[in-house]
Amino acid sequence: MTLPTTTPSTARLERLLSYIERDATNLKLRKDAVREAIDTGQWGTARELIDAGLQAEPAEADLLALSGFAYLQAQHYGDAEQALLAALARGVNAPDLRYNIAFADFMQRRYAEALEWLTPPDVAQALPLALTLRARCLHHLGRPLEAIADCKARLIATPDDADTLGLVALLLYEQRQSDDAMENLKAALRQNPRQLEAMLALASIQADAQDPEAASASFQSLLQAHPQCGRGWLGLALLKLGRMRPDEARHDIEFAAEHLPEHIGTWHVLAWVQIMQGDVAGAEQAFERALVLDRNFGETHGGLAVIAALQGREDDAREGIRRALRLNPQGLSAHHAELLLLKRHGRDAEAKALVESVLEQPTPQGDMRYRDLVAVHMKYLEAQAAQPSGGVVLH
């Protein structure tokens, strides 16, 4: 095997490659060369060495483990998992191998499986960064207090770890502990100004504080650094909706849905943007996507009741309202559907009273921006009743 001429090399790697050219069956030399190529970031050379070795020895455990690691670096997570599991089956059972399997599962959004690989205590003992990956899994699985505990355990040993500081900042923010979140996110950004969770927590805190200019700038900075951050696109979309710019918001929320397909709220916001634009069919599809994720979420059934009301399917709308309010008596979407039915029958005084009653109800902080989104549309519909024919145009 010859070294590709376009790849920079080290003297040691050149020597190893020259030896392998003379003795291609020497597995020890080949594995040493693979590790040297990995250490120097020469992934193409590492891949060639691994593939040639596995062609001759397809069951060689160490080469399989190295192959899995190289696939991880190339972001080929399914291939990485297969190679790492094959290495495990052939006797390689080191903590770093199990961590790499967990990482591959995590990147494929299989958070419960990833957590299982990280649960044995020897993994975190050998690799403290496993605590941070555990915390990320727990976060996605809706177990924030355990995630915070793992972050704090990691920070005892490595108090300046930017990723753990940023993650715990976001977790604390989501637990309504904004002061503690701010302290941790500032520490994270001092270590790494591009740390994703710290940037997201900062932008979210600014948005909640009704500082749209600062929040918009922070979300823009986040997305420049991390264009695949679905929550960043979602936050930016909500800010634009707050400024009544639904066309721009739709661009952002579609990116959010692409990168955050498992988040029900993203599909809801997309649906409401589409309703504002008159795209009822698109909104129905978005609510149906949310329904697949959780069939017992009241706001989704309320949203589908809104769609039915807009399409004139009154019996379906009323059934959807009943289902939505049974699941969530405070659900805004169900009340929005009621509003549409009242207005359909010219009962404008009752519609106005319903809007006022609903908007006076206290709303949990975590639902505030979604509440505001639905409330804006309810106010818009209520305002139309006072306009001459043609009324106002939302967008």
Protein backbone atom coordinates (compact mmCIF):
# COMPACT_ATOMS: atom_id res chain seq x y z
CA MET A 1 0.00 0.00 0.00
CA THR A 2 1.31 3.44 -0.87
CA LEU A 3 0.52 6.65 0.95
CA PRO A 4 -1.81 8.96 -1.05
CA THR A 5 0.23 11.85 -2.39
CA THR A 6 -2.42 14.41 -1.38
CA THR A 7 -2.32 13.41 2.30
CA PRO A 8 0.24 15.00 4.65
CA SER A 9 2.21 12.46 6.58
CA THR A 10 4.49 11.98 9.53
CA ALA A 11 7.86 10.31 9.43
CA ARG A 12 6.64 7.52 11.69
CA LEU A 13 3.57 6.82 9.55
CA GLU A 14 5.70 6.81 6.38
CA ARG A 15 8.00 4.23 7.95
CA LEU A 16 5.08 2.05 9.03
CA LEU A 17 3.53 2.21 5.60
CA SER A 18 6.81 1.26 3.96
CA TYR A 19 7.06 -1.78 6.25
CA ILE A 20 3.48 -2.78 5.40
CA GLU A 21 4.26 -2.61 1.69
CA ARG A 22 6.94 -5.25 2.30
CA ASP A 23 4.83 -7.32 4.73
CA ALA A 24 1.12 -6.75 4.17
CA THR A 25 0.14 -9.66 6.44
CA ASN A 26 1.75 -8.15 9.56
CA LEU A 27 -1.33 -7.22 11.62
CA LYS A 28 0.61 -5.58 14.42
CA LEU A 29 2.28 -3.17 12.01
CA ARG A 30 -1.03 -2.49 10.31
CA LYS A 31 -2.78 -1.67 13.58
CA ASP A 32 0.12 0.55 14.65
CA ALA A 33 -0.18 2.39 11.33
CA VAL A 34 -3.94 2.77 11.74
CA ARG A 35 -3.49 4.27 15.20
CA GLU A 36 -0.79 6.63 13.92
CA ALA A 37 -3.04 7.72 11.04
CA ILE A 38 -5.91 8.32 13.48
CA ASP A 39 -3.68 10.23 15.90
CA THR A 40 -2.54 12.53 13.10
CA GLY A 41 -6.03 12.98 11.65
CA GLN A 42 -5.32 11.15 8.39
CA TRP A 43 -8.68 9.44 8.19
CA GLY A 44 -8.49 8.44 4.54
CA THR A 45 -5.24 6.58 5.13
CA ALA A 46 -6.68 4.97 8.26
CA ARG A 47 -9.74 3.81 6.32
CA GLU A 48 -7.60 2.26 3.55
CA LEU A 49 -5.43 0.42 6.08
CA ILE A 50 -8.46 -0.88 7.97
CA ASP A 51 -10.36 -2.02 4.88
CA ALA A 52 -7.36 -3.84 3.46
CA GLY A 53 -6.75 -5.53 6.81
CA LEU A 54 -10.38 -6.60 7.23
CA GLN A 55 -10.46 -7.95 3.71
CA ALA A 56 -7.72 -10.36 4.73
CA GLU A 57 -8.91 -10.89 8.34
CA PRO A 58 -12.64 -10.01 8.52
CA ALA A 59 -12.98 -11.17 12.14
CA GLU A 60 -9.93 -9.36 13.55
CA ALA A 61 -11.36 -7.77 16.70
CA ASP A 62 -8.98 -4.83 17.14
CA LEU A 63 -9.31 -3.81 13.50
CA LEU A 64 -13.09 -3.92 13.86
CA ALA A 65 -12.88 -1.65 16.90
CA LEU A 66 -10.60 0.76 15.02
CA SER A 67 -12.96 0.61 12.05
CA GLY A 68 -15.87 1.61 14.28
CA PHE A 69 -13.92 4.54 15.68
CA ALA A 70 -12.96 5.72 12.19
CA TYR A 71 -16.60 5.49 11.07
CA LEU A 72 -17.59 7.62 14.06
CA GLN A 73 -15.19 10.33 12.93
CA ALA A 74 -16.74 10.21 9.47
CA GLN A 75 -20.24 10.48 11.05
CA HIS A 76 -21.27 7.13 9.58
CA TYR A 77 -23.00 6.09 12.78
CA GLY A 78 -24.79 2.98 11.55
CA ASP A 79 -21.58 1.55 10.08
CA ALA A 80 -19.74 2.48 13.27
CA GLU A 81 -22.25 0.65 15.43
CA GLN A 82 -22.04 -2.51 13.33
CA ALA A 83 -18.23 -2.57 13.45
CA LEU A 84 -18.11 -1.88 17.18
CA LEU A 85 -20.70 -4.56 17.98
CA ALA A 86 -18.72 -7.02 15.87
CA ALA A 87 -15.59 -6.16 17.87
CA LEU A 88 -17.54 -6.66 21.11
CA ALA A 89 -18.77 -10.06 19.92
CA ARG A 90 -15.16 -11.06 19.28
CA GLY A 91 -13.99 -10.25 22.78
CA VAL A 92 -13.13 -6.54 22.84
CA ASN A 93 -15.05 -5.32 25.89
CA ALA A 94 -13.19 -2.20 26.99
CA PRO A 95 -15.10 0.77 28.46
CA ASP A 96 -14.09 2.99 25.54
CA LEU A 97 -15.65 0.51 23.09
CA ARG A 98 -18.95 0.59 24.98
CA TYR A 99 -18.78 4.38 25.12
CA ASN A 100 -18.33 4.49 21.35
CA ILE A 101 -21.32 2.19 20.83
CA ALA A 102 -23.35 4.48 23.09
CA PHE A 103 -22.24 7.51 21.11
CA ALA A 104 -23.23 5.84 17.84
CA ASP A 105 -26.68 5.04 19.30
CA PHE A 106 -27.06 8.57 20.65
CA MET A 107 -26.31 10.11 17.26
CA GLN A 108 -29.00 7.85 15.76
CA ARG A 109 -31.49 9.23 18.35
CA ARG A 110 -31.66 5.90 20.19
CA TYR A 111 -31.23 7.45 23.60
CA ALA A 112 -32.50 4.60 25.80
CA GLU A 113 -30.14 2.12 24.13
CA ALA A 114 -27.23 4.54 24.47
CA LEU A 115 -27.98 4.97 28.16
CA GLU A 116 -27.83 1.20 28.72
CA TRP A 117 -24.27 1.06 27.39
CA LEU A 118 -23.26 3.88 29.75
CA THR A 119 -24.90 2.51 32.89
CA PRO A 120 -22.16 0.12 34.11
CA PRO A 121 -20.02 2.16 36.55
CA ASP A 122 -16.72 1.11 35.01
CA VAL A 123 -17.52 3.15 31.88
CA ALA A 124 -17.74 6.46 33.73
CA GLN A 125 -14.82 5.51 35.97
CA ALA A 126 -12.59 4.93 32.97
CA LEU A 127 -14.03 7.77 30.86
CA PRO A 128 -15.46 10.70 32.87
CA LEU A 129 -16.91 12.17 29.65
CA ALA A 130 -19.38 9.26 29.75
CA LEU A 131 -21.21 11.16 32.49
CA THR A 132 -21.86 14.01 30.08
CA LEU A 133 -23.16 11.66 27.39
CA ARG A 134 -25.32 9.96 30.05
CA ALA A 135 -26.73 13.36 30.95
CA ARG A 136 -27.54 14.09 27.31
CA CYS A 137 -29.40 10.77 27.05
CA LEU A 138 -31.33 11.44 30.27
CA HIS A 139 -32.22 14.92 29.00
CA HIS A 140 -33.75 13.49 25.82
CA LEU A 141 -35.55 10.83 27.86
CA GLY A 142 -37.23 13.44 30.06
CA ARG A 143 -35.21 12.77 33.22
CA PRO A 144 -33.69 16.20 33.89
CA LEU A 145 -32.89 15.83 37.60
CA GLU A 146 -30.78 12.73 36.94
CA ALA A 147 -29.11 14.53 34.05
CA ILE A 148 -28.23 17.48 36.29
CA ALA A 149 -26.80 15.09 38.88
CA ASP A 150 -24.54 13.46 36.28
CA CYS A 151 -23.36 16.87 35.08
CA LYS A 152 -22.52 17.94 38.61
CA ALA A 153 -20.63 14.69 39.20
CA ARG A 154 -18.57 15.34 36.07
CA LEU A 155 -17.86 18.93 37.10
CA ILE A 156 -16.45 17.84 40.45
CA ALA A 157 -13.57 16.19 38.60
CA THR A 158 -13.40 18.56 35.61
CA PRO A 159 -14.90 21.92 36.67
CA ASP A 160 -13.89 23.70 33.45
CA ASP A 161 -15.41 21.26 30.97
CA ALA A 162 -17.29 23.54 28.57
CA ASP A 163 -19.71 20.92 27.23
CA THR A 164 -20.82 19.85 30.70
CA LEU A 165 -21.15 23.45 31.88
CA GLY A 166 -23.25 24.31 28.84
CA LEU A 167 -25.44 21.24 29.20
CA VAL A 168 -26.14 21.83 32.89
CA ALA A 169 -26.90 25.48 32.09
CA LEU A 170 -29.60 24.41 29.62
CA LEU A 171 -30.98 21.84 32.05
CA LEU A 172 -31.14 24.41 34.86
CA TYR A 173 -32.84 26.91 32.56
CA GLU A 174 -35.47 24.32 31.69
CA GLN A 175 -36.00 23.76 35.43
CA ARG A 176 -36.73 27.51 35.86
CA GLN A 177 -33.39 28.13 37.60
CA SER A 178 -32.29 30.94 35.32
CA ASP A 179 -29.78 32.52 37.71
CA ASP A 180 -27.87 29.26 38.15
CA ALA A 181 -28.20 28.62 34.43
CA MET A 182 -26.68 32.01 33.64
CA GLU A 183 -23.72 31.38 35.94
CA ASN A 184 -22.95 28.06 34.25
CA LEU A 185 -23.48 29.26 30.70
CA LYS A 186 -21.12 32.19 31.25
CA ALA A 187 -18.49 29.76 32.54
CA ALA A 188 -19.06 27.52 29.50
CA LEU A 189 -18.76 30.39 27.04
CA ARG A 190 -15.53 31.56 28.66
CA GLN A 191 -14.08 28.13 27.89
CA ASN A 192 -15.71 27.81 24.46
CA PRO A 193 -17.62 30.76 22.96
CA ARG A 194 -19.32 28.37 20.51
CA GLN A 195 -20.60 25.83 23.06
CA LEU A 196 -24.03 24.84 21.74
CA GLU A 197 -26.16 24.38 24.88
CA ALA A 198 -24.72 27.48 26.53
CA MET A 199 -25.56 29.57 23.46
CA LEU A 200 -29.06 28.09 23.36
CA ALA A 201 -29.66 28.72 27.06
CA LEU A 202 -28.51 32.33 26.73
CA ALA A 203 -30.78 33.03 23.74
CA SER A 204 -33.73 31.36 25.48
CA ILE A 205 -33.23 33.37 28.68
CA GLN A 206 -33.12 36.58 26.65
CA ALA A 207 -36.31 35.63 24.79
CA ASP A 208 -38.12 34.87 28.05
CA ALA A 209 -36.95 38.23 29.40
CA GLN A 210 -38.76 39.96 26.50
CA ASP A 211 -35.51 41.18 24.96
CA PRO A 212 -36.14 40.22 21.33
CA GLU A 213 -33.19 42.14 19.89
CA ALA A 214 -30.64 40.42 22.12
CA ALA A 215 -32.38 37.05 21.74
CA SER A 216 -32.47 37.34 17.95
CA ALA A 217 -28.76 38.19 17.84
CA SER A 218 -27.97 35.25 20.13
CA PHE A 219 -30.05 32.80 18.09
CA GLN A 220 -28.38 34.04 14.89
CA SER A 221 -24.93 33.51 16.43
CA LEU A 222 -25.97 30.04 17.59
CA LEU A 223 -27.16 29.04 14.12
CA GLN A 224 -24.06 30.40 12.42
CA ALA A 225 -21.99 28.13 14.66
CA HIS A 226 -24.45 25.20 14.68
CA PRO A 227 -26.77 25.33 11.63
CA GLN A 228 -28.32 21.96 12.50
CA CYS A 229 -29.59 23.08 15.92
CA GLY A 230 -33.34 22.57 15.62
CA ARG A 231 -34.11 24.38 18.86
CA GLY A 232 -32.20 27.39 17.59
CA TRP A 233 -34.36 27.55 14.46
CA LEU A 234 -37.47 27.09 16.62
CA GLY A 235 -36.49 29.95 18.93
CA LEU A 236 -35.80 32.24 15.99
CA ALA A 237 -39.15 31.34 14.41
CA LEU A 238 -41.02 32.18 17.61
CA LEU A 239 -39.33 35.56 17.80
CA LYS A 240 -40.37 36.35 14.23
CA LEU A 241 -43.92 35.27 14.96
CA GLY A 242 -43.93 37.63 17.91
CA ARG A 243 -43.15 40.39 15.42
CA MET A 244 -45.92 39.16 13.12
CA ARG A 245 -43.58 37.95 10.36
CA PRO A 246 -45.05 34.50 9.62
CA ASP A 247 -43.49 34.14 6.16
CA GLU A 248 -39.99 34.50 7.58
CA ALA A 249 -40.93 32.33 10.54
CA ARG A 250 -42.05 29.52 8.24
CA HIS A 251 -38.58 29.34 6.71
CA ASP A 252 -37.07 28.92 10.18
CA ILE A 253 -39.65 26.50 11.53
CA GLU A 254 -39.26 24.22 8.52
CA PHE A 255 -35.54 24.00 9.30
CA ALA A 256 -36.47 23.28 12.94
CA ALA A 257 -38.76 20.42 11.90
CA GLU A 258 -36.04 18.98 9.67
CA HIS A 259 -33.49 18.90 12.49
CA LEU A 260 -35.89 18.29 15.41
CA PRO A 261 -38.45 15.84 14.02
CA GLU A 262 -39.13 14.22 17.40
CA HIS A 263 -40.25 17.49 19.06
CA ILE A 264 -44.05 17.83 19.15
CA GLY A 265 -43.95 21.58 19.78
CA THR A 266 -42.05 22.20 16.57
CA TRP A 267 -44.79 20.55 14.50
CA HIS A 268 -47.39 22.59 16.38
CA VAL A 269 -45.65 25.87 15.65
CA LEU A 270 -45.27 24.89 11.99
CA ALA A 271 -48.99 24.10 11.88
CA TRP A 272 -49.95 27.48 13.34
CA VAL A 273 -47.69 29.32 10.92
CA GLN A 274 -49.38 27.45 8.08
CA ILE A 275 -52.82 28.34 9.48
CA MET A 276 -51.77 32.01 9.54
CA GLN A 277 -50.78 31.70 5.88
CA GLY A 278 -54.00 29.96 4.90
CA ASP A 279 -52.28 26.62 4.23
CA VAL A 280 -54.85 24.49 6.05
CA ALA A 281 -53.83 21.24 4.33
CA GLY A 282 -50.19 21.76 5.31
CA ALA A 283 -51.23 22.54 8.89
CA GLU A 284 -53.26 19.35 9.06
CA GLN A 285 -50.22 17.33 7.96
CA ALA A 286 -48.09 19.00 10.63
CA PHE A 287 -50.62 18.19 13.38
CA GLU A 288 -50.79 14.60 12.09
CA ARG A 289 -47.00 14.36 12.42
CA ALA A 290 -47.35 15.52 16.02
CA LEU A 291 -50.08 12.94 16.62
CA VAL A 292 -47.76 10.12 15.54
CA LEU A 293 -45.30 11.21 18.23
CA ASP A 294 -47.91 11.21 21.03
CA ARG A 295 -51.57 10.32 20.56
CA ASN A 296 -52.48 11.55 24.05
CA PHE A 297 -51.30 15.16 23.77
CA GLY A 298 -54.31 17.42 24.13
CA GLU A 299 -52.99 20.35 22.10
CA THR A 300 -52.58 18.12 19.05
CA HIS A 301 -56.21 17.03 19.18
CA GLY A 302 -57.16 20.67 19.70
CA GLY A 303 -55.15 21.62 16.64
CA LEU A 304 -56.90 18.99 14.55
CA ALA A 305 -60.22 20.35 15.86
CA VAL A 306 -59.14 23.78 14.58
CA ILE A 307 -58.45 22.23 11.16
CA ALA A 308 -61.88 20.56 11.16
CA ALA A 309 -63.54 23.86 12.08
CA LEU A 310 -61.71 25.70 9.31
CA GLN A 311 -62.83 23.03 6.83
CA GLY A 312 -66.46 23.21 7.99
CA ARG A 313 -66.48 19.74 9.53
CA GLU A 314 -68.34 20.79 12.66
CA ASP A 315 -69.05 17.34 14.09
CA ASP A 316 -65.36 16.39 13.80
CA ALA A 317 -64.38 19.72 15.32
CA ARG A 318 -66.65 19.23 18.33
CA GLU A 319 -65.38 15.67 18.84
CA GLY A 320 -61.79 16.95 18.66
CA ILE A 321 -62.58 19.68 21.17
CA ARG A 322 -64.06 17.16 23.61
CA ARG A 323 -61.04 14.89 23.25
CA ALA A 324 -58.58 17.75 23.63
CA LEU A 325 -60.23 19.20 26.74
CA ARG A 326 -60.46 15.77 28.33
CA LEU A 327 -56.69 15.44 27.95
CA ASN A 328 -55.93 19.08 28.83
CA PRO A 329 -58.77 21.25 30.21
CA GLN A 330 -56.60 24.38 29.79
CA GLY A 331 -55.68 23.63 26.19
CA LEU A 332 -55.61 26.74 24.02
CA SER A 333 -56.09 24.98 20.69
CA ALA A 334 -59.42 23.48 21.75
CA HIS A 335 -60.67 26.92 22.80
CA HIS A 336 -59.47 28.28 19.47
CA ALA A 337 -61.60 25.67 17.70
CA GLU A 338 -64.57 26.70 19.88
CA LEU A 339 -63.96 30.29 18.84
CA LEU A 340 -64.07 29.36 15.17
CA LEU A 341 -67.36 27.52 15.59
CA LEU A 342 -68.92 30.45 17.46
CA LYS A 343 -67.84 32.88 14.76
CA ARG A 344 -69.07 30.54 12.06
CA HIS A 345 -72.57 30.90 13.49
CA GLY A 346 -72.32 34.65 14.02
CA ARG A 347 -72.10 34.45 17.80
CA ASP A 348 -69.50 37.20 17.98
CA ALA A 349 -70.31 38.39 21.51
CA GLU A 350 -69.76 34.88 22.87
CA ALA A 351 -66.58 34.59 20.81
CA LYS A 352 -65.25 37.82 22.28
CA ALA A 353 -66.07 36.67 25.81
CA LEU A 354 -64.32 33.35 25.16
CA VAL A 355 -61.15 35.11 23.96
CA GLU A 356 -61.09 37.34 27.03
CA SER A 357 -61.70 34.42 29.36
CA VAL A 358 -59.01 32.23 27.83
CA LEU A 359 -56.37 34.94 27.72
CA GLU A 360 -56.92 35.81 31.37
CA GLN A 361 -56.00 32.30 32.46
CA PRO A 362 -52.52 31.87 33.99
CA THR A 363 -50.13 29.96 31.79
CA PRO A 364 -47.10 27.90 32.88
CA GLN A 365 -43.86 29.65 31.94
CA GLY A 366 -42.76 26.78 29.74
CA ASP A 367 -45.92 27.18 27.61
CA MET A 368 -45.71 30.97 27.41
CA ARG A 369 -44.38 31.41 23.90
CA TYR A 370 -46.70 28.75 22.50
CA ARG A 371 -49.58 30.40 24.39
CA ASP A 372 -48.65 33.73 22.86
CA LEU A 373 -48.63 32.20 19.39
CA VAL A 374 -52.19 30.86 19.73
CA ALA A 375 -53.32 33.98 21.55
CA VAL A 376 -52.14 36.21 18.72
CA HIS A 377 -54.28 34.28 16.28
CA MET A 378 -57.28 34.34 18.62
CA LYS A 379 -56.95 38.11 18.98
CA TYR A 380 -56.66 38.42 15.22
CA LEU A 381 -59.89 36.51 14.66
CA GLU A 382 -61.65 38.53 17.34
CA ALA A 383 -60.42 41.77 15.75
CA GLN A 384 -61.80 40.72 12.36
CA ALA A 385 -65.31 40.91 13.74
CA ALA A 386 -64.88 44.65 14.24
CA GLN A 387 -63.54 45.27 10.73
CA PRO A 388 -65.48 46.03 7.54
CA SER A 389 -65.69 43.23 4.99
CA GLY A 390 -62.18 42.24 4.01
CA GLY A 391 -60.82 43.03 7.47
CA VAL A 392 -57.16 42.96 8.36
CA VAL A 393 -54.61 40.64 6.84
CA LEU A 394 -52.39 38.81 9.28
CA HIS A 395 -49.41 38.59 6.97
